[in-house]
């Protein structure tokens, strides 16, 4: 093997090792410190590891994979129960919010929820105030924020977000217009249409067993 080729392969191996190290550290930060933003987590991880090569920054799906692995290794006993509690809470909330055709999204659906994770739902109304009033009239104090979501690779839009707690768990409701039922926003992990589960799908997922070894096929079956 030529010397130049040897150096090139060595450099590629180093980059791949560093990508894995950054992904693992980003996953740890997300799991243990409640960091929800993938970009922030990977930058903080690279800084902590002293890695400054942009090529060594993993993609979001690599961090999500590392997060699943982190949870399997370090939270094997507690994670299934933690996830089930949040999915049960999600189903109960979706029944409560049935008039707004709720969809379960995010870490609770994907199976990567941790102690910091909110139960994230999309609810649908052409007037966000209608959802706020619905909650307030039923004695649910809400904090109103806004969030930007990517509709296409080139287009973003701002939506109302309602935050509240119930039974000790945080809830995060994004209010989207009714026509967004047909076109989900793009996922922050892979920039594909966000995976969402209706109430019936969430109930089906809750019935599934807790064997994470075949999680993707189970989730795919539920979301078919």
C-alpha atoms as a PDB file:
ATOM      1  CA  UNK A   1       0.000   0.000   0.000  1.00  0.00           C
ATOM      2  CA  UNK A   2       1.340   3.427  -0.947  1.00  0.00           C
ATOM      3  CA  UNK A   3       2.286   5.723   1.917  1.00  0.00           C
ATOM      4  CA  UNK A   4      -0.243   8.368   0.839  1.00  0.00           C
ATOM      5  CA  UNK A   5      -3.065   5.822   0.710  1.00  0.00           C
ATOM      6  CA  UNK A   6      -2.110   4.555   4.172  1.00  0.00           C
ATOM      7  CA  UNK A   7      -2.253   8.091   5.616  1.00  0.00           C
ATOM      8  CA  UNK A   8      -5.595   8.730   3.934  1.00  0.00           C
ATOM      9  CA  UNK A   9      -7.139   5.564   5.386  1.00  0.00           C
ATOM     10  CA  UNK A  10      -5.697   6.361   8.813  1.00  0.00           C
ATOM     11  CA  UNK A  11      -7.198   9.846   8.672  1.00  0.00           C
ATOM     12  CA  UNK A  12     -10.597   8.439   7.661  1.00  0.00           C
ATOM     13  CA  UNK A  13     -10.487   5.956  10.545  1.00  0.00           C
ATOM     14  CA  UNK A  14      -9.676   8.777  12.970  1.00  0.00           C
ATOM     15  CA  UNK A  15     -12.603  10.841  11.709  1.00  0.00           C
ATOM     16  CA  UNK A  16     -14.976   7.871  12.083  1.00  0.00           C
ATOM     17  CA  UNK A  17     -13.743   7.172  15.611  1.00  0.00           C
ATOM     18  CA  UNK A  18     -14.217  10.820  16.541  1.00  0.00           C
ATOM     19  CA  UNK A  19     -17.723  10.867  15.017  1.00  0.00           C
ATOM     20  CA  UNK A  20     -18.624   7.913  17.224  1.00  0.00           C
ATOM     21  CA  UNK A  21     -17.095   9.551  20.304  1.00  0.00           C
ATOM     22  CA  UNK A  22     -18.982  12.800  19.670  1.00  0.00           C
ATOM     23  CA  UNK A  23     -22.252  10.916  19.031  1.00  0.00           C
ATOM     24  CA  UNK A  24     -21.860   8.970  22.274  1.00  0.00           C
ATOM     25  CA  UNK A  25     -21.033  12.061  24.314  1.00  0.00           C
ATOM     26  CA  UNK A  26     -23.908  13.998  22.724  1.00  0.00           C
ATOM     27  CA  UNK A  27     -26.243  11.119  23.597  1.00  0.00           C
ATOM     28  CA  UNK A  28     -25.011  11.168  27.196  1.00  0.00           C
ATOM     29  CA  UNK A  29     -25.573  14.920  27.439  1.00  0.00           C
ATOM     30  CA  UNK A  30     -29.072  14.592  26.030  1.00  0.00           C
ATOM     31  CA  UNK A  31     -29.962  11.744  28.367  1.00  0.00           C
ATOM     32  CA  UNK A  32     -28.412  13.073  31.565  1.00  0.00           C
ATOM     33  CA  UNK A  33     -28.751  16.844  31.160  1.00  0.00           C
ATOM     34  CA  UNK A  34     -31.996  17.163  29.235  1.00  0.00           C
ATOM     35  CA  UNK A  35     -30.511  18.776  26.117  1.00  0.00           C
ATOM     36  CA  UNK A  36     -33.147  18.429  23.417  1.00  0.00           C
ATOM     37  CA  UNK A  37     -31.442  20.124  20.473  1.00  0.00           C
ATOM     38  CA  UNK A  38     -29.252  17.762  18.456  1.00  0.00           C
ATOM     39  CA  UNK A  39     -27.070  20.532  17.042  1.00  0.00           C
ATOM     40  CA  UNK A  40     -26.392  22.024  20.456  1.00  0.00           C
ATOM     41  CA  UNK A  41     -25.662  18.571  21.904  1.00  0.00           C
ATOM     42  CA  UNK A  42     -23.136  17.679  19.218  1.00  0.00           C
ATOM     43  CA  UNK A  43     -21.329  21.026  19.471  1.00  0.00           C
ATOM     44  CA  UNK A  44     -21.146  20.772  23.254  1.00  0.00           C
ATOM     45  CA  UNK A  45     -19.925  17.171  23.009  1.00  0.00           C
ATOM     46  CA  UNK A  46     -17.214  18.075  20.504  1.00  0.00           C
ATOM     47  CA  UNK A  47     -16.085  20.957  22.722  1.00  0.00           C
ATOM     48  CA  UNK A  48     -15.893  18.713  25.788  1.00  0.00           C
ATOM     49  CA  UNK A  49     -13.849  16.150  23.849  1.00  0.00           C
ATOM     50  CA  UNK A  50     -11.551  18.742  22.281  1.00  0.00           C
ATOM     51  CA  UNK A  51     -12.564  17.714  18.764  1.00  0.00           C
ATOM     52  CA  UNK A  52     -12.578  20.628  16.343  1.00  0.00           C
ATOM     53  CA  UNK A  53     -12.826  18.869  12.975  1.00  0.00           C
ATOM     54  CA  UNK A  54     -16.213  19.625  11.379  1.00  0.00           C
ATOM     55  CA  UNK A  55     -16.076  16.251   9.618  1.00  0.00           C
ATOM     56  CA  UNK A  56     -16.146  14.572  13.029  1.00  0.00           C
ATOM     57  CA  UNK A  57     -19.586  16.011  13.828  1.00  0.00           C
ATOM     58  CA  UNK A  58     -22.116  13.153  13.551  1.00  0.00           C
ATOM     59  CA  UNK A  59     -25.444  13.456  11.824  1.00  0.00           C
ATOM     60  CA  UNK A  60     -28.578  13.609  13.924  1.00  0.00           C
ATOM     61  CA  UNK A  61     -29.554  10.020  13.175  1.00  0.00           C
ATOM     62  CA  UNK A  62     -26.141   8.867  14.457  1.00  0.00           C
ATOM     63  CA  UNK A  63     -26.790  10.663  17.749  1.00  0.00           C
ATOM     64  CA  UNK A  64     -30.275   9.168  17.988  1.00  0.00           C
ATOM     65  CA  UNK A  65     -28.781   5.699  17.471  1.00  0.00           C
ATOM     66  CA  UNK A  66     -26.175   6.409  20.166  1.00  0.00           C
ATOM     67  CA  UNK A  67     -28.968   7.633  22.457  1.00  0.00           C
ATOM     68  CA  UNK A  68     -30.843   4.353  22.079  1.00  0.00           C
ATOM     69  CA  UNK A  69     -27.631   2.466  22.840  1.00  0.00           C
ATOM     70  CA  UNK A  70     -26.932   4.662  25.881  1.00  0.00           C
ATOM     71  CA  UNK A  71     -30.380   3.932  27.249  1.00  0.00           C
ATOM     72  CA  UNK A  72     -29.994   0.193  26.648  1.00  0.00           C
ATOM     73  CA  UNK A  73     -26.659   0.108  28.469  1.00  0.00           C
ATOM     74  CA  UNK A  74     -27.209   2.533  31.344  1.00  0.00           C
ATOM     75  CA  UNK A  75     -30.993   2.551  31.859  1.00  0.00           C
ATOM     76  CA  UNK A  76     -32.042  -0.961  30.890  1.00  0.00           C
ATOM     77  CA  UNK A  77     -34.081  -1.467  34.061  1.00  0.00           C
ATOM     78  CA  UNK A  78     -35.721   1.944  34.415  1.00  0.00           C
ATOM     79  CA  UNK A  79     -36.258   3.005  30.796  1.00  0.00           C
ATOM     80  CA  UNK A  80     -39.086   0.613  29.791  1.00  0.00           C
ATOM     81  CA  UNK A  81     -41.232   1.676  32.758  1.00  0.00           C
ATOM     82  CA  UNK A  82     -40.411   5.351  32.243  1.00  0.00           C
ATOM     83  CA  UNK A  83     -41.428   5.066  28.587  1.00  0.00           C
ATOM     84  CA  UNK A  84     -44.613   3.187  29.387  1.00  0.00           C
ATOM     85  CA  UNK A  85     -45.691   5.806  31.930  1.00  0.00           C
ATOM     86  CA  UNK A  86     -45.304   8.536  29.331  1.00  0.00           C
ATOM     87  CA  UNK A  87     -47.128   6.579  26.666  1.00  0.00           C
ATOM     88  CA  UNK A  88     -49.990   5.911  29.069  1.00  0.00           C
ATOM     89  CA  UNK A  89     -50.108   9.622  29.885  1.00  0.00           C
ATOM     90  CA  UNK A  90     -50.040  10.414  26.152  1.00  0.00           C
ATOM     91  CA  UNK A  91     -53.018   8.155  25.466  1.00  0.00           C
ATOM     92  CA  UNK A  92     -54.981   9.707  28.324  1.00  0.00           C
ATOM     93  CA  UNK A  93     -54.190  13.233  27.095  1.00  0.00           C
ATOM     94  CA  UNK A  94     -55.113  12.328  23.507  1.00  0.00           C
ATOM     95  CA  UNK A  95     -58.506  11.092  24.659  1.00  0.00           C
ATOM     96  CA  UNK A  96     -58.966  14.353  26.588  1.00  0.00           C
ATOM     97  CA  UNK A  97     -58.005  16.382  23.487  1.00  0.00           C
ATOM     98  CA  UNK A  98     -59.955  14.261  21.003  1.00  0.00           C
ATOM     99  CA  UNK A  99     -61.729  17.296  19.490  1.00  0.00           C
ATOM    100  CA  UNK A 100     -58.356  18.505  18.182  1.00  0.00           C
ATOM    101  CA  UNK A 101     -57.350  15.195  16.525  1.00  0.00           C
ATOM    102  CA  UNK A 102     -54.098  14.862  18.502  1.00  0.00           C
ATOM    103  CA  UNK A 103     -51.024  13.049  17.200  1.00  0.00           C
ATOM    104  CA  UNK A 104     -48.206  11.713  19.360  1.00  0.00           C
ATOM    105  CA  UNK A 105     -44.741  12.797  18.187  1.00  0.00           C
ATOM    106  CA  UNK A 106     -41.174  12.944  19.420  1.00  0.00           C
ATOM    107  CA  UNK A 107     -39.235  10.924  21.954  1.00  0.00           C
ATOM    108  CA  UNK A 108     -42.223   9.249  23.612  1.00  0.00           C
ATOM    109  CA  UNK A 109     -43.329   7.884  20.244  1.00  0.00           C
ATOM    110  CA  UNK A 110     -39.827   7.069  19.038  1.00  0.00           C
ATOM    111  CA  UNK A 111     -38.860   5.288  22.264  1.00  0.00           C
ATOM    112  CA  UNK A 112     -35.985   7.595  23.248  1.00  0.00           C
ATOM    113  CA  UNK A 113     -37.786   9.446  26.060  1.00  0.00           C
ATOM    114  CA  UNK A 114     -35.892  10.019  29.300  1.00  0.00           C
ATOM    115  CA  UNK A 115     -36.633  11.649  32.648  1.00  0.00           C
ATOM    116  CA  UNK A 116     -36.401  15.097  31.020  1.00  0.00           C
ATOM    117  CA  UNK A 117     -38.742  14.335  28.113  1.00  0.00           C
ATOM    118  CA  UNK A 118     -42.121  15.971  27.736  1.00  0.00           C
ATOM    119  CA  UNK A 119     -45.068  14.185  26.193  1.00  0.00           C
ATOM    120  CA  UNK A 120     -45.179  15.942  22.819  1.00  0.00           C
ATOM    121  CA  UNK A 121     -48.421  16.156  20.876  1.00  0.00           C
ATOM    122  CA  UNK A 122     -49.545  17.884  17.730  1.00  0.00           C
ATOM    123  CA  UNK A 123     -53.096  19.207  17.994  1.00  0.00           C
ATOM    124  CA  UNK A 124     -55.031  20.804  15.166  1.00  0.00           C
ATOM    125  CA  UNK A 125     -57.091  23.970  15.112  1.00  0.00           C
ATOM    126  CA  UNK A 126     -57.233  26.917  12.743  1.00  0.00           C
ATOM    127  CA  UNK A 127     -57.493  29.178  15.796  1.00  0.00           C
ATOM    128  CA  UNK A 128     -54.839  28.297  18.432  1.00  0.00           C
ATOM    129  CA  UNK A 129     -56.755  30.284  21.046  1.00  0.00           C
ATOM    130  CA  UNK A 130     -59.475  27.624  20.854  1.00  0.00           C
ATOM    131  CA  UNK A 131     -57.087  25.033  22.297  1.00  0.00           C
ATOM    132  CA  UNK A 132     -55.821  27.435  24.962  1.00  0.00           C
ATOM    133  CA  UNK A 133     -59.385  28.253  26.029  1.00  0.00           C
ATOM    134  CA  UNK A 134     -60.327  24.556  26.064  1.00  0.00           C
ATOM    135  CA  UNK A 135     -57.539  23.835  28.550  1.00  0.00           C
ATOM    136  CA  UNK A 136     -58.089  26.909  30.693  1.00  0.00           C
ATOM    137  CA  UNK A 137     -61.829  26.235  31.010  1.00  0.00           C
ATOM    138  CA  UNK A 138     -60.962  22.803  32.375  1.00  0.00           C
ATOM    139  CA  UNK A 139     -58.578  24.189  34.967  1.00  0.00           C
ATOM    140  CA  UNK A 140     -55.326  23.445  33.157  1.00  0.00           C
ATOM    141  CA  UNK A 141     -52.867  26.346  33.555  1.00  0.00           C
ATOM    142  CA  UNK A 142     -50.831  26.708  30.375  1.00  0.00           C
ATOM    143  CA  UNK A 143     -47.702  28.568  29.335  1.00  0.00           C
ATOM    144  CA  UNK A 144     -47.884  29.879  25.781  1.00  0.00           C
ATOM    145  CA  UNK A 145     -44.780  29.936  23.591  1.00  0.00           C
ATOM    146  CA  UNK A 146     -43.996  29.717  19.889  1.00  0.00           C
ATOM    147  CA  UNK A 147     -41.901  27.285  17.877  1.00  0.00           C
ATOM    148  CA  UNK A 148     -40.537  27.281  14.346  1.00  0.00           C
ATOM    149  CA  UNK A 149     -40.917  24.049  12.395  1.00  0.00           C
ATOM    150  CA  UNK A 150     -39.586  23.210   8.972  1.00  0.00           C
ATOM    151  CA  UNK A 151     -42.394  22.604   6.478  1.00  0.00           C
ATOM    152  CA  UNK A 152     -40.114  21.916   3.538  1.00  0.00           C
ATOM    153  CA  UNK A 153     -36.329  22.013   3.267  1.00  0.00           C
ATOM    154  CA  UNK A 154     -36.628  25.683   2.295  1.00  0.00           C
ATOM    155  CA  UNK A 155     -39.645  26.834   4.286  1.00  0.00           C
ATOM    156  CA  UNK A 156     -40.293  27.298   8.000  1.00  0.00           C
ATOM    157  CA  UNK A 157     -43.356  28.459   9.885  1.00  0.00           C
ATOM    158  CA  UNK A 158     -44.052  29.567  13.450  1.00  0.00           C
ATOM    159  CA  UNK A 159     -46.678  27.844  15.582  1.00  0.00           C
ATOM    160  CA  UNK A 160     -48.220  28.254  19.013  1.00  0.00           C
ATOM    161  CA  UNK A 161     -46.924  25.890  21.694  1.00  0.00           C
ATOM    162  CA  UNK A 162     -48.811  25.178  24.927  1.00  0.00           C
ATOM    163  CA  UNK A 163     -46.862  23.848  27.912  1.00  0.00           C
ATOM    164  CA  UNK A 164     -48.418  22.388  31.061  1.00  0.00           C
ATOM    165  CA  UNK A 165     -47.938  19.634  33.617  1.00  0.00           C
ATOM    166  CA  UNK A 166     -50.279  16.819  34.583  1.00  0.00           C
ATOM    167  CA  UNK A 167     -49.664  14.076  37.139  1.00  0.00           C
ATOM    168  CA  UNK A 168     -46.071  15.229  37.475  1.00  0.00           C
ATOM    169  CA  UNK A 169     -45.285  14.931  33.760  1.00  0.00           C
ATOM    170  CA  UNK A 170     -44.579  17.808  31.348  1.00  0.00           C
ATOM    171  CA  UNK A 171     -46.720  18.144  28.232  1.00  0.00           C
ATOM    172  CA  UNK A 172     -45.804  20.023  25.064  1.00  0.00           C
ATOM    173  CA  UNK A 173     -48.611  20.758  22.594  1.00  0.00           C
ATOM    174  CA  UNK A 174     -47.876  22.291  19.203  1.00  0.00           C
ATOM    175  CA  UNK A 175     -51.007  23.766  17.617  1.00  0.00           C
ATOM    176  CA  UNK A 176     -51.067  23.376  13.847  1.00  0.00           C
ATOM    177  CA  UNK A 177     -53.752  24.306  11.309  1.00  0.00           C
ATOM    178  CA  UNK A 178     -56.183  21.564  10.318  1.00  0.00           C
ATOM    179  CA  UNK A 179     -54.663  21.100   6.871  1.00  0.00           C
ATOM    180  CA  UNK A 180     -51.380  20.089   8.534  1.00  0.00           C
ATOM    181  CA  UNK A 181     -53.009  16.751   9.296  1.00  0.00           C
ATOM    182  CA  UNK A 182     -52.155  15.827   5.706  1.00  0.00           C
ATOM    183  CA  UNK A 183     -48.615  17.251   5.645  1.00  0.00           C
ATOM    184  CA  UNK A 184     -46.481  16.776   8.762  1.00  0.00           C
ATOM    185  CA  UNK A 185     -43.553  19.116   9.436  1.00  0.00           C
ATOM    186  CA  UNK A 186     -40.091  17.753   8.763  1.00  0.00           C
ATOM    187  CA  UNK A 187     -38.338  15.801  11.479  1.00  0.00           C
ATOM    188  CA  UNK A 188     -35.276  17.434  13.004  1.00  0.00           C
ATOM    189  CA  UNK A 189     -33.399  14.114  12.866  1.00  0.00           C
ATOM    190  CA  UNK A 190     -33.604  13.185   9.193  1.00  0.00           C
ATOM    191  CA  UNK A 191     -35.610  16.049   7.597  1.00  0.00           C
ATOM    192  CA  UNK A 192     -38.247  13.564   6.439  1.00  0.00           C
ATOM    193  CA  UNK A 193     -41.952  14.045   7.266  1.00  0.00           C
ATOM    194  CA  UNK A 194     -42.304  13.660  11.015  1.00  0.00           C
ATOM    195  CA  UNK A 195     -43.650  10.344  12.230  1.00  0.00           C
ATOM    196  CA  UNK A 196     -46.919  10.814  14.110  1.00  0.00           C
ATOM    197  CA  UNK A 197     -49.336   8.430  15.797  1.00  0.00           C
ATOM    198  CA  UNK A 198     -53.080   8.837  16.139  1.00  0.00           C
ATOM    199  CA  UNK A 199     -54.843   7.792  19.327  1.00  0.00           C
ATOM    200  CA  UNK A 200     -55.566   4.344  17.910  1.00  0.00           C
ATOM    201  CA  UNK A 201     -51.921   3.927  16.912  1.00  0.00           C
ATOM    202  CA  UNK A 202     -50.686   5.088  20.327  1.00  0.00           C
ATOM    203  CA  UNK A 203     -53.011   2.602  22.016  1.00  0.00           C
ATOM    204  CA  UNK A 204     -51.679  -0.150  19.763  1.00  0.00           C
ATOM    205  CA  UNK A 205     -48.095   0.806  20.567  1.00  0.00           C
ATOM    206  CA  UNK A 206     -48.898   0.723  24.273  1.00  0.00           C
ATOM    207  CA  UNK A 207     -50.170  -2.833  23.933  1.00  0.00           C
ATOM    208  CA  UNK A 208     -46.939  -3.956  22.213  1.00  0.00           C
ATOM    209  CA  UNK A 209     -44.375  -5.672  24.365  1.00  0.00           C
ATOM    210  CA  UNK A 210     -41.354  -3.852  25.814  1.00  0.00           C
ATOM    211  CA  UNK A 211     -38.689  -5.679  23.790  1.00  0.00           C
ATOM    212  CA  UNK A 212     -36.640  -2.827  22.312  1.00  0.00           C
ATOM    213  CA  UNK A 213     -34.582  -5.216  20.157  1.00  0.00           C
ATOM    214  CA  UNK A 214     -37.246  -5.068  17.468  1.00  0.00           C
ATOM    215  CA  UNK A 215     -38.501  -1.562  18.212  1.00  0.00           C
ATOM    216  CA  UNK A 216     -38.234  -0.175  14.684  1.00  0.00           C
ATOM    217  CA  UNK A 217     -40.278  -2.973  13.125  1.00  0.00           C
ATOM    218  CA  UNK A 218     -42.920  -2.637  15.858  1.00  0.00           C
ATOM    219  CA  UNK A 219     -43.157   1.122  15.363  1.00  0.00           C
ATOM    220  CA  UNK A 220     -43.285   0.713  11.594  1.00  0.00           C
ATOM    221  CA  UNK A 221     -46.113  -1.794  11.981  1.00  0.00           C
ATOM    222  CA  UNK A 222     -48.073   0.611  14.172  1.00  0.00           C
ATOM    223  CA  UNK A 223     -47.523   3.543  11.797  1.00  0.00           C
ATOM    224  CA  UNK A 224     -48.290   1.524   8.639  1.00  0.00           C
END
